[in-house]
PDB file of N, CA and C in Angstrom:
ATOM      1  N   MET A   1      50.234 -74.808 -43.641  1.00  0.00           N
ATOM      2  CA  MET A   1      51.596 -74.647 -44.033  1.00  0.00           C
ATOM      3  C   MET A   1      52.480 -76.095 -43.297  1.00  0.00           C
ATOM      4  N   MET A   2      52.114 -75.856 -42.147  1.00  0.00           N
ATOM      5  CA  MET A   2      52.657 -77.226 -41.399  1.00  0.00           C
ATOM      6  C   MET A   2      52.391 -78.271 -42.372  1.00  0.00           C
ATOM      7  N   PRO A   3      51.549 -78.437 -42.566  1.00  0.00           N
ATOM      8  CA  PRO A   3      51.161 -80.682 -43.485  1.00  0.00           C
ATOM      9  C   PRO A   3      52.938 -80.661 -44.380  1.00  0.00           C
ATOM     10  N   LEU A   4      52.949 -79.159 -45.092  1.00  0.00           N
ATOM     11  CA  LEU A   4      54.194 -79.715 -45.885  1.00  0.00           C
ATOM     12  C   LEU A   4      55.615 -79.469 -45.100  1.00  0.00           C
ATOM     13  N   LEU A   5      55.493 -78.607 -43.651  1.00  0.00           N
ATOM     14  CA  LEU A   5      56.794 -78.590 -42.837  1.00  0.00           C
ATOM     15  C   LEU A   5      57.376 -80.013 -42.527  1.00  0.00           C
ATOM     16  N   ALA A   6      56.247 -80.721 -42.145  1.00  0.00           N
ATOM     17  CA  ALA A   6      56.687 -81.739 -41.581  1.00  0.00           C
ATOM     18  C   ALA A   6      57.130 -83.308 -42.668  1.00  0.00           C
ATOM     19  N   LEU A   7      55.971 -83.013 -43.829  1.00  0.00           N
ATOM     20  CA  LEU A   7      56.761 -83.615 -45.565  1.00  0.00           C
ATOM     21  C   LEU A   7      57.756 -83.322 -44.771  1.00  0.00           C
ATOM     22  N   ILE A   8      58.797 -81.926 -45.581  1.00  0.00           N
ATOM     23  CA  ILE A   8      60.516 -82.116 -46.146  1.00  0.00           C
ATOM     24  C   ILE A   8      60.786 -82.477 -44.507  1.00  0.00           C
ATOM     25  N   LEU A   9      60.501 -83.033 -43.485  1.00  0.00           N
ATOM     26  CA  LEU A   9      60.918 -82.836 -42.054  1.00  0.00           C
ATOM     27  C   LEU A   9      61.074 -84.727 -42.765  1.00  0.00           C
ATOM     28  N   GLN A  10      60.084 -85.005 -42.583  1.00  0.00           N
ATOM     29  CA  GLN A  10      59.623 -86.575 -43.130  1.00  0.00           C
ATOM     30  C   GLN A  10      61.147 -86.712 -44.739  1.00  0.00           C
ATOM     31  N   ILE A  11      60.101 -85.905 -45.542  1.00  0.00           N
ATOM     32  CA  ILE A  11      62.025 -86.574 -46.106  1.00  0.00           C
ATOM     33  C   ILE A  11      63.461 -86.233 -46.437  1.00  0.00           C
ATOM     34  N   LEU A  12      64.416 -85.496 -45.393  1.00  0.00           N
ATOM     35  CA  LEU A  12      65.036 -85.053 -45.221  1.00  0.00           C
ATOM     36  C   LEU A  12      65.694 -86.359 -44.136  1.00  0.00           C
ATOM     37  N   HIS A  13      64.569 -86.864 -42.994  1.00  0.00           N
ATOM     38  CA  HIS A  13      64.949 -87.906 -42.263  1.00  0.00           C
ATOM     39  C   HIS A  13      64.248 -88.727 -42.517  1.00  0.00           C
ATOM     40  N   ILE A  14      64.762 -89.179 -43.482  1.00  0.00           N
ATOM     41  CA  ILE A  14      64.069 -90.494 -44.773  1.00  0.00           C
ATOM     42  C   ILE A  14      64.369 -91.850 -43.626  1.00  0.00           C
ATOM     43  N   THR A  15      65.861 -92.010 -43.092  1.00  0.00           N
ATOM     44  CA  THR A  15      66.137 -92.990 -42.581  1.00  0.00           C
ATOM     45  C   THR A  15      65.939 -92.728 -41.080  1.00  0.00           C
ATOM     46  N   LYS A  16      65.044 -92.109 -40.479  1.00  0.00           N
ATOM     47  CA  LYS A  16      65.031 -92.441 -39.337  1.00  0.00           C
ATOM     48  C   LYS A  16      63.780 -93.516 -38.676  1.00  0.00           C
ATOM     49  N   LYS A  17      63.603 -93.908 -39.925  1.00  0.00           N
ATOM     50  CA  LYS A  17      62.184 -94.584 -39.561  1.00  0.00           C
ATOM     51  C   LYS A  17      60.845 -94.416 -38.680  1.00  0.00           C
ATOM     52  N   ARG A  18      60.446 -92.735 -38.229  1.00  0.00           N
ATOM     53  CA  ARG A  18      59.737 -92.495 -38.308  1.00  0.00           C
ATOM     54  C   ARG A  18      58.638 -92.331 -38.636  1.00  0.00           C
ATOM     55  N   TYR A  19      57.698 -92.084 -37.991  1.00  0.00           N
ATOM     56  CA  TYR A  19      56.316 -91.899 -39.236  1.00  0.00           C
ATOM     57  C   TYR A  19      55.463 -90.541 -39.113  1.00  0.00           C
ATOM     58  N   TYR A  20      54.789 -90.059 -40.397  1.00  0.00           N
ATOM     59  CA  TYR A  20      54.889 -88.952 -40.794  1.00  0.00           C
ATOM     60  C   TYR A  20      54.111 -87.423 -39.288  1.00  0.00           C
ATOM     61  N   ILE A  21      53.596 -88.810 -38.868  1.00  0.00           N
ATOM     62  CA  ILE A  21      53.176 -87.761 -37.255  1.00  0.00           C
ATOM     63  C   ILE A  21      53.400 -87.765 -36.421  1.00  0.00           C
ATOM     64  N   GLU A  22      54.227 -88.149 -36.140  1.00  0.00           N
ATOM     65  CA  GLU A  22      55.621 -87.683 -35.462  1.00  0.00           C
ATOM     66  C   GLU A  22      56.754 -86.443 -35.772  1.00  0.00           C
ATOM     67  N   HIS A  23      57.038 -86.372 -37.232  1.00  0.00           N
ATOM     68  CA  HIS A  23      57.109 -85.386 -37.782  1.00  0.00           C
ATOM     69  C   HIS A  23      56.298 -83.809 -37.961  1.00  0.00           C
ATOM     70  N   PHE A  24      55.178 -84.534 -37.616  1.00  0.00           N
ATOM     71  CA  PHE A  24      53.384 -83.479 -37.739  1.00  0.00           C
ATOM     72  C   PHE A  24      53.558 -82.775 -36.187  1.00  0.00           C
ATOM     73  N   ILE A  25      53.388 -83.883 -35.336  1.00  0.00           N
ATOM     74  CA  ILE A  25      53.892 -83.386 -34.304  1.00  0.00           C
ATOM     75  C   ILE A  25      54.763 -81.621 -33.219  1.00  0.00           C
ATOM     76  N   LEU A  26      56.128 -82.698 -33.546  1.00  0.00           N
ATOM     77  CA  LEU A  26      57.113 -81.939 -33.542  1.00  0.00           C
ATOM     78  C   LEU A  26      56.185 -80.466 -34.888  1.00  0.00           C
ATOM     79  N   THR A  27      56.344 -80.337 -36.100  1.00  0.00           N
ATOM     80  CA  THR A  27      55.830 -79.118 -36.557  1.00  0.00           C
ATOM     81  C   THR A  27      54.969 -77.721 -35.707  1.00  0.00           C
ATOM     82  N   LEU A  28      53.819 -78.665 -35.007  1.00  0.00           N
ATOM     83  CA  LEU A  28      52.930 -78.368 -33.966  1.00  0.00           C
ATOM     84  C   LEU A  28      53.905 -77.474 -33.130  1.00  0.00           C
ATOM     85  N   HIS A  29      54.532 -78.545 -32.388  1.00  0.00           N
ATOM     86  CA  HIS A  29      55.901 -78.301 -31.376  1.00  0.00           C
ATOM     87  C   HIS A  29      56.351 -76.977 -31.679  1.00  0.00           C
ATOM     88  N   ASN A  30      57.036 -76.537 -33.043  1.00  0.00           N
ATOM     89  CA  ASN A  30      57.670 -75.440 -33.136  1.00  0.00           C
ATOM     90  C   ASN A  30      56.856 -74.360 -33.719  1.00  0.00           C
ATOM     91  N   GLN A  31      55.359 -74.206 -33.960  1.00  0.00           N
ATOM     92  CA  GLN A  31      54.999 -74.147 -34.532  1.00  0.00           C
ATOM     93  C   GLN A  31      54.804 -72.393 -33.142  1.00  0.00           C
ATOM     94  N   ALA A  32      53.682 -73.746 -32.632  1.00  0.00           N
ATOM     95  CA  ALA A  32      53.788 -72.558 -30.829  1.00  0.00           C
ATOM     96  C   ALA A  32      54.805 -72.331 -30.333  1.00  0.00           C
ATOM     97  N   PHE A  33      56.045 -72.361 -30.583  1.00  0.00           N
ATOM     98  CA  PHE A  33      56.638 -72.022 -30.536  1.00  0.00           C
ATOM     99  C   PHE A  33      57.363 -70.747 -31.104  1.00  0.00           C
ATOM    100  N   LEU A  34      57.313 -70.505 -32.000  1.00  0.00           N
ATOM    101  CA  LEU A  34      57.477 -69.482 -33.136  1.00  0.00           C
ATOM    102  C   LEU A  34      56.159 -68.301 -32.581  1.00  0.00           C
ATOM    103  N   VAL A  35      54.681 -69.029 -32.989  1.00  0.00           N
ATOM    104  CA  VAL A  35      53.939 -67.896 -32.540  1.00  0.00           C
ATOM    105  C   VAL A  35      54.051 -66.758 -31.358  1.00  0.00           C
ATOM    106  N   PHE A  36      54.100 -67.510 -29.500  1.00  0.00           N
ATOM    107  CA  PHE A  36      54.617 -67.119 -28.831  1.00  0.00           C
ATOM    108  C   PHE A  36      55.458 -66.610 -28.964  1.00  0.00           C
ATOM    109  N   SER A  37      56.310 -66.795 -29.131  1.00  0.00           N
ATOM    110  CA  SER A  37      58.274 -66.037 -29.312  1.00  0.00           C
ATOM    111  C   SER A  37      57.855 -64.700 -29.593  1.00  0.00           C
ATOM    112  N   ILE A  38      56.725 -65.454 -30.962  1.00  0.00           N
ATOM    113  CA  ILE A  38      56.455 -63.928 -32.537  1.00  0.00           C
ATOM    114  C   ILE A  38      55.618 -62.080 -31.636  1.00  0.00           C
ATOM    115  N   PHE A  39      54.502 -63.391 -30.446  1.00  0.00           N
ATOM    116  CA  PHE A  39      53.765 -62.783 -29.609  1.00  0.00           C
ATOM    117  C   PHE A  39      54.708 -61.991 -28.239  1.00  0.00           C
ATOM    118  N   LEU A  40      55.831 -62.266 -28.251  1.00  0.00           N
ATOM    119  CA  LEU A  40      56.411 -62.225 -26.776  1.00  0.00           C
ATOM    120  C   LEU A  40      57.216 -61.093 -27.740  1.00  0.00           C
ATOM    121  N   ILE A  41      57.750 -60.524 -28.518  1.00  0.00           N
ATOM    122  CA  ILE A  41      58.209 -59.740 -28.998  1.00  0.00           C
ATOM    123  C   ILE A  41      57.751 -58.915 -29.658  1.00  0.00           C
ATOM    124  N   TRP A  42      56.520 -58.388 -29.986  1.00  0.00           N
ATOM    125  CA  TRP A  42      54.874 -57.991 -30.138  1.00  0.00           C
ATOM    126  C   TRP A  42      55.227 -56.844 -28.836  1.00  0.00           C
ATOM    127  N   VAL A  43      54.773 -57.829 -27.576  1.00  0.00           N
ATOM    128  CA  VAL A  43      54.676 -57.263 -26.774  1.00  0.00           C
ATOM    129  C   VAL A  43      55.818 -56.335 -26.315  1.00  0.00           C
ATOM    130  N   LEU A  44      57.146 -56.847 -25.566  1.00  0.00           N
ATOM    131  CA  LEU A  44      58.611 -56.016 -26.322  1.00  0.00           C
ATOM    132  C   LEU A  44      58.790 -55.200 -26.614  1.00  0.00           C
ATOM    133  N   GLY A  45      57.849 -55.163 -28.161  1.00  0.00           N
ATOM    134  CA  GLY A  45      57.597 -54.182 -28.997  1.00  0.00           C
ATOM    135  C   GLY A  45      57.072 -52.175 -28.174  1.00  0.00           C
ATOM    136  N   TYR A  46      55.829 -53.423 -27.853  1.00  0.00           N
ATOM    137  CA  TYR A  46      55.548 -51.959 -27.301  1.00  0.00           C
ATOM    138  C   TYR A  46      55.360 -51.056 -26.153  1.00  0.00           C
ATOM    139  N   ILE A  47      56.888 -52.325 -25.320  1.00  0.00           N
ATOM    140  CA  ILE A  47      56.557 -51.902 -24.219  1.00  0.00           C
ATOM    141  C   ILE A  47      58.270 -50.390 -24.556  1.00  0.00           C
ATOM    142  N   GLU A  48      58.675 -51.336 -25.523  1.00  0.00           N
ATOM    143  CA  GLU A  48      59.910 -49.691 -25.882  1.00  0.00           C
ATOM    144  C   GLU A  48      59.456 -49.552 -26.220  1.00  0.00           C
ATOM    145  N   ASP A  49      58.477 -48.305 -26.933  1.00  0.00           N
ATOM    146  CA  ASP A  49      57.568 -47.773 -27.264  1.00  0.00           C
ATOM    147  C   ASP A  49      57.546 -47.333 -25.998  1.00  0.00           C
ATOM    148  N   LEU A  50      57.280 -47.291 -24.745  1.00  0.00           N
ATOM    149  CA  LEU A  50      56.202 -46.638 -24.541  1.00  0.00           C
ATOM    150  C   LEU A  50      58.052 -45.283 -23.158  1.00  0.00           C
ATOM    151  N   GLU A  51      58.820 -45.718 -23.591  1.00  0.00           N
ATOM    152  CA  GLU A  51      59.792 -45.079 -23.374  1.00  0.00           C
ATOM    153  C   GLU A  51      60.579 -44.475 -22.372  1.00  0.00           C
ATOM    154  N   ILE A  52      60.423 -45.728 -21.383  1.00  0.00           N
ATOM    155  CA  ILE A  52      60.330 -45.320 -20.554  1.00  0.00           C
ATOM    156  C   ILE A  52      61.593 -46.420 -20.198  1.00  0.00           C
ATOM    157  N   PRO A  53      62.988 -44.877 -19.671  1.00  0.00           N
ATOM    158  CA  PRO A  53      64.138 -45.429 -20.184  1.00  0.00           C
ATOM    159  C   PRO A  53      64.980 -46.242 -19.718  1.00  0.00           C
ATOM    160  N   TRP A  54      65.098 -47.296 -18.344  1.00  0.00           N
ATOM    161  CA  TRP A  54      65.355 -47.849 -17.907  1.00  0.00           C
ATOM    162  C   TRP A  54      64.499 -49.443 -18.221  1.00  0.00           C
ATOM    163  N   LEU A  55      63.275 -48.545 -18.914  1.00  0.00           N
ATOM    164  CA  LEU A  55      62.419 -50.422 -18.893  1.00  0.00           C
ATOM    165  C   LEU A  55      62.682 -50.329 -20.665  1.00  0.00           C
ATOM    166  N   SER A  56      62.545 -49.148 -21.062  1.00  0.00           N
ATOM    167  CA  SER A  56      63.019 -50.052 -23.335  1.00  0.00           C
ATOM    168  C   SER A  56      64.013 -50.685 -22.817  1.00  0.00           C
ATOM    169  N   GLU A  57      65.127 -49.342 -22.439  1.00  0.00           N
ATOM    170  CA  GLU A  57      66.078 -50.734 -22.412  1.00  0.00           C
ATOM    171  C   GLU A  57      66.614 -52.428 -22.349  1.00  0.00           C
ATOM    172  N   GLY A  58      65.762 -52.239 -21.414  1.00  0.00           N
ATOM    173  CA  GLY A  58      65.603 -53.748 -21.350  1.00  0.00           C
ATOM    174  C   GLY A  58      64.916 -54.462 -22.130  1.00  0.00           C
ATOM    175  N   ALA A  59      63.904 -54.265 -21.833  1.00  0.00           N
ATOM    176  CA  ALA A  59      62.272 -54.421 -24.040  1.00  0.00           C
ATOM    177  C   ALA A  59      63.017 -54.448 -24.813  1.00  0.00           C
ATOM    178  N   SER A  60      64.044 -53.721 -24.883  1.00  0.00           N
ATOM    179  CA  SER A  60      64.540 -54.161 -27.055  1.00  0.00           C
ATOM    180  C   SER A  60      66.343 -55.154 -26.128  1.00  0.00           C
ATOM    181  N   TRP A  61      66.241 -55.301 -25.017  1.00  0.00           N
ATOM    182  CA  TRP A  61      67.614 -56.094 -25.112  1.00  0.00           C
ATOM    183  C   TRP A  61      67.035 -57.706 -25.174  1.00  0.00           C
ATOM    184  N   LEU A  62      66.380 -58.133 -24.190  1.00  0.00           N
ATOM    185  CA  LEU A  62      65.153 -59.496 -24.986  1.00  0.00           C
ATOM    186  C   LEU A  62      64.579 -59.652 -26.140  1.00  0.00           C
ATOM    187  N   GLU A  63      64.153 -58.543 -26.727  1.00  0.00           N
ATOM    188  CA  GLU A  63      63.407 -58.585 -28.392  1.00  0.00           C
ATOM    189  C   GLU A  63      64.636 -59.091 -28.575  1.00  0.00           C
ATOM    190  N   ILE A  64      66.218 -58.467 -29.314  1.00  0.00           N
ATOM    191  CA  ILE A  64      66.951 -58.882 -29.009  1.00  0.00           C
ATOM    192  C   ILE A  64      67.111 -61.069 -29.126  1.00  0.00           C
ATOM    193  N   PHE A  65      67.148 -61.273 -27.985  1.00  0.00           N
ATOM    194  CA  PHE A  65      67.520 -62.299 -27.447  1.00  0.00           C
ATOM    195  C   PHE A  65      66.340 -63.276 -27.402  1.00  0.00           C
ATOM    196  N   CYS A  66      65.029 -62.453 -27.705  1.00  0.00           N
ATOM    197  CA  CYS A  66      64.153 -62.850 -28.027  1.00  0.00           C
ATOM    198  C   CYS A  66      64.512 -64.026 -29.318  1.00  0.00           C
ATOM    199  N   MET A  67      65.357 -62.784 -30.503  1.00  0.00           N
ATOM    200  CA  MET A  67      65.627 -63.590 -32.087  1.00  0.00           C
ATOM    201  C   MET A  67      66.551 -64.552 -32.079  1.00  0.00           C
ATOM    202  N   PHE A  68      67.410 -64.205 -31.182  1.00  0.00           N
ATOM    203  CA  PHE A  68      67.943 -65.184 -30.674  1.00  0.00           C
ATOM    204  C   PHE A  68      67.845 -66.865 -30.325  1.00  0.00           C
ATOM    205  N   TRP A  69      67.623 -66.908 -29.514  1.00  0.00           N
ATOM    206  CA  TRP A  69      66.668 -67.683 -29.259  1.00  0.00           C
ATOM    207  C   TRP A  69      65.155 -68.530 -29.881  1.00  0.00           C
ATOM    208  N   ILE A  70      65.303 -67.972 -30.865  1.00  0.00           N
ATOM    209  CA  ILE A  70      64.188 -68.540 -32.209  1.00  0.00           C
ATOM    210  C   ILE A  70      65.102 -69.552 -32.858  1.00  0.00           C
ATOM    211  N   VAL A  71      66.256 -68.935 -33.301  1.00  0.00           N
ATOM    212  CA  VAL A  71      67.285 -69.576 -34.230  1.00  0.00           C
ATOM    213  C   VAL A  71      67.642 -70.924 -33.291  1.00  0.00           C
ATOM    214  N   ILE A  72      68.166 -70.371 -32.440  1.00  0.00           N
ATOM    215  CA  ILE A  72      68.927 -71.485 -31.248  1.00  0.00           C
ATOM    216  C   ILE A  72      67.387 -72.650 -31.138  1.00  0.00           C
ATOM    217  N   TYR A  73      66.661 -71.997 -30.344  1.00  0.00           N
ATOM    218  CA  TYR A  73      65.942 -72.715 -30.102  1.00  0.00           C
ATOM    219  C   TYR A  73      65.115 -74.555 -30.971  1.00  0.00           C
ATOM    220  N   LEU A  74      65.221 -73.929 -31.633  1.00  0.00           N
ATOM    221  CA  LEU A  74      64.706 -74.492 -33.244  1.00  0.00           C
ATOM    222  C   LEU A  74      65.456 -75.945 -33.808  1.00  0.00           C
ATOM    223  N   PHE A  75      66.493 -75.012 -33.878  1.00  0.00           N
ATOM    224  CA  PHE A  75      67.881 -75.938 -34.176  1.00  0.00           C
ATOM    225  C   PHE A  75      68.729 -77.455 -33.348  1.00  0.00           C
ATOM    226  N   LEU A  76      68.260 -76.225 -31.849  1.00  0.00           N
ATOM    227  CA  LEU A  76      68.306 -77.553 -30.973  1.00  0.00           C
ATOM    228  C   LEU A  76      67.580 -78.272 -31.355  1.00  0.00           C
ATOM    229  N   SER A  77      65.849 -78.804 -30.225  1.00  0.00           N
ATOM    230  CA  SER A  77      64.828 -79.419 -31.226  1.00  0.00           C
ATOM    231  C   SER A  77      65.384 -79.998 -32.433  1.00  0.00           C
ATOM    232  N   LEU A  78      65.881 -80.486 -33.306  1.00  0.00           N
ATOM    233  CA  LEU A  78      65.422 -80.194 -34.508  1.00  0.00           C
ATOM    234  C   LEU A  78      67.159 -81.590 -34.085  1.00  0.00           C
ATOM    235  N   LYS A  79      68.069 -80.755 -34.148  1.00  0.00           N
ATOM    236  CA  LYS A  79      68.862 -82.077 -32.899  1.00  0.00           C
ATOM    237  C   LYS A  79      68.613 -83.047 -32.255  1.00  0.00           C
ATOM    238  N   ARG A  80      67.724 -82.680 -30.959  1.00  0.00           N
ATOM    239  CA  ARG A  80      67.062 -83.835 -29.843  1.00  0.00           C
ATOM    240  C   ARG A  80      66.114 -84.234 -30.855  1.00  0.00           C
ATOM    241  N   PHE A  81      65.322 -83.995 -31.262  1.00  0.00           N
ATOM    242  CA  PHE A  81      63.979 -85.112 -31.948  1.00  0.00           C
ATOM    243  C   PHE A  81      64.972 -85.843 -32.277  1.00  0.00           C
ATOM    244  N   TYR A  82      66.072 -86.241 -33.285  1.00  0.00           N
ATOM    245  CA  TYR A  82      66.238 -86.827 -34.687  1.00  0.00           C
ATOM    246  C   TYR A  82      67.625 -87.159 -33.778  1.00  0.00           C
ATOM    247  N   GLY A  83      68.182 -86.628 -33.162  1.00  0.00           N
ATOM    248  CA  GLY A  83      69.499 -87.539 -32.408  1.00  0.00           C
ATOM    249  C   GLY A  83      70.533 -87.412 -33.042  1.00  0.00           C
ATOM    250  N   GLU A  84      70.401 -86.152 -34.329  1.00  0.00           N
ATOM    251  CA  GLU A  84      72.272 -86.720 -35.015  1.00  0.00           C
ATOM    252  C   GLU A  84      73.041 -85.042 -34.097  1.00  0.00           C
ATOM    253  N   GLY A  85      74.498 -85.411 -35.927  1.00  0.00           N
ATOM    254  CA  GLY A  85      75.842 -84.476 -34.700  1.00  0.00           C
ATOM    255  C   GLY A  85      75.271 -82.876 -34.907  1.00  0.00           C
ATOM    256  N   PHE A  86      76.682 -81.724 -35.249  1.00  0.00           N
ATOM    257  CA  PHE A  86      76.659 -80.856 -35.131  1.00  0.00           C
ATOM    258  C   PHE A  86      76.843 -80.100 -35.857  1.00  0.00           C
ATOM    259  N   ILE A  87      77.258 -81.480 -37.280  1.00  0.00           N
ATOM    260  CA  ILE A  87      77.722 -81.528 -38.114  1.00  0.00           C
ATOM    261  C   ILE A  87      76.091 -81.649 -38.982  1.00  0.00           C
ATOM    262  N   LEU A  88      75.480 -82.509 -39.664  1.00  0.00           N
ATOM    263  CA  LEU A  88      74.667 -82.955 -39.670  1.00  0.00           C
ATOM    264  C   LEU A  88      73.911 -81.603 -40.080  1.00  0.00           C
ATOM    265  N   THR A  89      73.083 -81.764 -38.568  1.00  0.00           N
ATOM    266  CA  THR A  89      72.076 -81.437 -38.055  1.00  0.00           C
ATOM    267  C   THR A  89      72.094 -79.883 -38.686  1.00  0.00           C
ATOM    268  N   PRO A  90      73.176 -78.452 -38.288  1.00  0.00           N
ATOM    269  CA  PRO A  90      73.040 -77.668 -38.813  1.00  0.00           C
ATOM    270  C   PRO A  90      72.318 -77.105 -40.879  1.00  0.00           C
ATOM    271  N   ILE A  91      73.584 -78.339 -41.738  1.00  0.00           N
ATOM    272  CA  ILE A  91      72.696 -78.806 -42.868  1.00  0.00           C
ATOM    273  C   ILE A  91      71.218 -78.651 -43.144  1.00  0.00           C
ATOM    274  N   LYS A  92      71.121 -78.966 -42.229  1.00  0.00           N
ATOM    275  CA  LYS A  92      69.906 -79.949 -43.294  1.00  0.00           C
ATOM    276  C   LYS A  92      68.660 -78.580 -42.686  1.00  0.00           C
ATOM    277  N   PHE A  93      69.159 -78.177 -40.658  1.00  0.00           N
ATOM    278  CA  PHE A  93      68.073 -76.988 -39.941  1.00  0.00           C
ATOM    279  C   PHE A  93      68.034 -75.410 -41.532  1.00  0.00           C
ATOM    280  N   ILE A  94      69.309 -75.308 -41.902  1.00  0.00           N
ATOM    281  CA  ILE A  94      69.288 -74.499 -43.238  1.00  0.00           C
ATOM    282  C   ILE A  94      69.225 -75.057 -44.132  1.00  0.00           C
ATOM    283  N   VAL A  95      69.181 -75.879 -45.239  1.00  0.00           N
ATOM    284  CA  VAL A  95      67.998 -76.687 -45.900  1.00  0.00           C
ATOM    285  C   VAL A  95      66.910 -76.607 -45.613  1.00  0.00           C
ATOM    286  N   ILE A  96      65.759 -77.081 -44.331  1.00  0.00           N
ATOM    287  CA  ILE A  96      64.542 -77.253 -44.242  1.00  0.00           C
ATOM    288  C   ILE A  96      64.672 -75.691 -44.623  1.00  0.00           C
ATOM    289  N   SER A  97      65.156 -74.832 -43.411  1.00  0.00           N
ATOM    290  CA  SER A  97      64.974 -73.565 -43.597  1.00  0.00           C
ATOM    291  C   SER A  97      64.268 -72.472 -44.717  1.00  0.00           C
ATOM    292  N   VAL A  98      65.157 -72.889 -45.112  1.00  0.00           N
ATOM    293  CA  VAL A  98      65.638 -72.433 -47.640  1.00  0.00           C
ATOM    294  C   VAL A  98      63.818 -72.669 -48.032  1.00  0.00           C
ATOM    295  N   THR A  99      63.797 -74.655 -47.920  1.00  0.00           N
ATOM    296  CA  THR A  99      62.919 -74.915 -48.034  1.00  0.00           C
ATOM    297  C   THR A  99      61.508 -73.755 -48.246  1.00  0.00           C
ATOM    298  N   TYR A 100      61.787 -74.129 -46.413  1.00  0.00           N
ATOM    299  CA  TYR A 100      60.284 -74.278 -45.813  1.00  0.00           C
ATOM    300  C   TYR A 100      60.499 -71.389 -46.560  1.00  0.00           C
ATOM    301  N   SER A 101      61.581 -71.632 -46.887  1.00  0.00           N
ATOM    302  CA  SER A 101      60.534 -70.263 -46.838  1.00  0.00           C
ATOM    303  C   SER A 101      60.646 -69.886 -48.001  1.00  0.00           C
ATOM    304  N   ILE A 102      60.587 -70.772 -48.384  1.00  0.00           N
ATOM    305  CA  ILE A 102      60.237 -69.887 -50.695  1.00  0.00           C
ATOM    306  C   ILE A 102      58.679 -71.050 -50.802  1.00  0.00           C
ATOM    307  N   CYS A 103      58.411 -72.604 -50.342  1.00  0.00           N
ATOM    308  CA  CYS A 103      56.865 -72.851 -50.000  1.00  0.00           C
ATOM    309  C   CYS A 103      56.185 -71.422 -49.268  1.00  0.00           C
ATOM    310  N   MET A 104      56.663 -71.352 -48.709  1.00  0.00           N
ATOM    311  CA  MET A 104      56.045 -70.036 -47.848  1.00  0.00           C
ATOM    312  C   MET A 104      55.260 -68.551 -49.178  1.00  0.00           C
ATOM    313  N   GLY A 105      56.587 -68.833 -49.551  1.00  0.00           N
ATOM    314  CA  GLY A 105      56.924 -67.255 -49.989  1.00  0.00           C
ATOM    315  C   GLY A 105      55.742 -67.374 -50.940  1.00  0.00           C
ATOM    316  N   ILE A 106      56.592 -68.790 -52.047  1.00  0.00           N
ATOM    317  CA  ILE A 106      54.926 -68.639 -52.925  1.00  0.00           C
ATOM    318  C   ILE A 106      53.511 -69.830 -53.189  1.00  0.00           C
ATOM    319  N   GLY A 107      53.635 -69.834 -51.488  1.00  0.00           N
ATOM    320  CA  GLY A 107      51.884 -70.246 -50.638  1.00  0.00           C
ATOM    321  C   GLY A 107      51.468 -68.173 -50.816  1.00  0.00           C
ATOM    322  N   MET A 108      52.021 -67.079 -50.717  1.00  0.00           N
ATOM    323  CA  MET A 108      51.276 -66.415 -50.116  1.00  0.00           C
ATOM    324  C   MET A 108      51.382 -65.496 -51.218  1.00  0.00           C
ATOM    325  N   ALA A 109      52.982 -65.572 -52.597  1.00  0.00           N
ATOM    326  CA  ALA A 109      52.241 -64.899 -53.416  1.00  0.00           C
ATOM    327  C   ALA A 109      51.029 -65.425 -54.203  1.00  0.00           C
ATOM    328  N   LEU A 110      50.673 -66.973 -54.334  1.00  0.00           N
ATOM    329  CA  LEU A 110      49.222 -68.035 -54.750  1.00  0.00           C
ATOM    330  C   LEU A 110      47.725 -66.626 -53.881  1.00  0.00           C
ATOM    331  N   PHE A 111      47.864 -66.851 -52.245  1.00  0.00           N
ATOM    332  CA  PHE A 111      47.099 -66.552 -51.780  1.00  0.00           C
ATOM    333  C   PHE A 111      46.528 -64.682 -51.781  1.00  0.00           C
ATOM    334  N   LEU A 112      47.935 -64.360 -52.068  1.00  0.00           N
ATOM    335  CA  LEU A 112      47.660 -62.813 -52.099  1.00  0.00           C
ATOM    336  C   LEU A 112      46.651 -62.670 -54.076  1.00  0.00           C
ATOM    337  N   LEU A 113      47.337 -63.362 -54.554  1.00  0.00           N
ATOM    338  CA  LEU A 113      46.829 -64.064 -56.096  1.00  0.00           C
ATOM    339  C   LEU A 113      44.954 -64.345 -56.596  1.00  0.00           C
ATOM    340  N   LEU A 114      45.154 -65.120 -55.774  1.00  0.00           N
ATOM    341  CA  LEU A 114      43.310 -65.377 -55.344  1.00  0.00           C
ATOM    342  C   LEU A 114      42.954 -64.849 -54.666  1.00  0.00           C
ATOM    343  N   LEU A 115      43.777 -63.753 -53.382  1.00  0.00           N
ATOM    344  CA  LEU A 115      42.820 -62.972 -53.190  1.00  0.00           C
ATOM    345  C   LEU A 115      42.170 -61.433 -54.219  1.00  0.00           C
ATOM    346  N   PHE A 116      42.973 -61.492 -54.817  1.00  0.00           N
ATOM    347  CA  PHE A 116      43.137 -59.683 -56.077  1.00  0.00           C
ATOM    348  C   PHE A 116      41.964 -61.021 -57.767  1.00  0.00           C
ATOM    349  N   ILE A 117      42.343 -61.243 -57.545  1.00  0.00           N
ATOM    350  CA  ILE A 117      41.282 -62.508 -58.231  1.00  0.00           C
ATOM    351  C   ILE A 117      39.539 -62.630 -57.923  1.00  0.00           C
ATOM    352  N   PHE A 118      39.422 -63.129 -56.691  1.00  0.00           N
ATOM    353  CA  PHE A 118      38.055 -63.098 -56.173  1.00  0.00           C
ATOM    354  C   PHE A 118      37.874 -62.485 -54.796  1.00  0.00           C
ATOM    355  N   SER A 119      37.947 -60.279 -55.111  1.00  0.00           N
ATOM    356  CA  SER A 119      37.689 -59.833 -54.313  1.00  0.00           C
ATOM    357  C   SER A 119      37.349 -58.411 -55.318  1.00  0.00           C
TER     358      SER A 119
END
């Protein structure tokens, strides 16, 4: 799915005169950040389940912070990489997020369909 996301980025930023590989590298960077953040949230969830009063509460707050930081970081990475303002970047961020979510949903549905057919 990352090559597809890089293609979506290239289409939306066609006037930036960047090569496809540059969009792909940004996608790889953001994907690595996302995987690490989800892993961190997963670990914090286990810490929260330990039910140690001060530790569980701290882990809960860190989980919430990480969820917000994911969105903020991905937005800022787009803003910094493409050098666009605070008006155009949120619009493109929403379009990219919705388009990628739809493509991911279709991809997962096709994967499950193929899994069901061939199992």
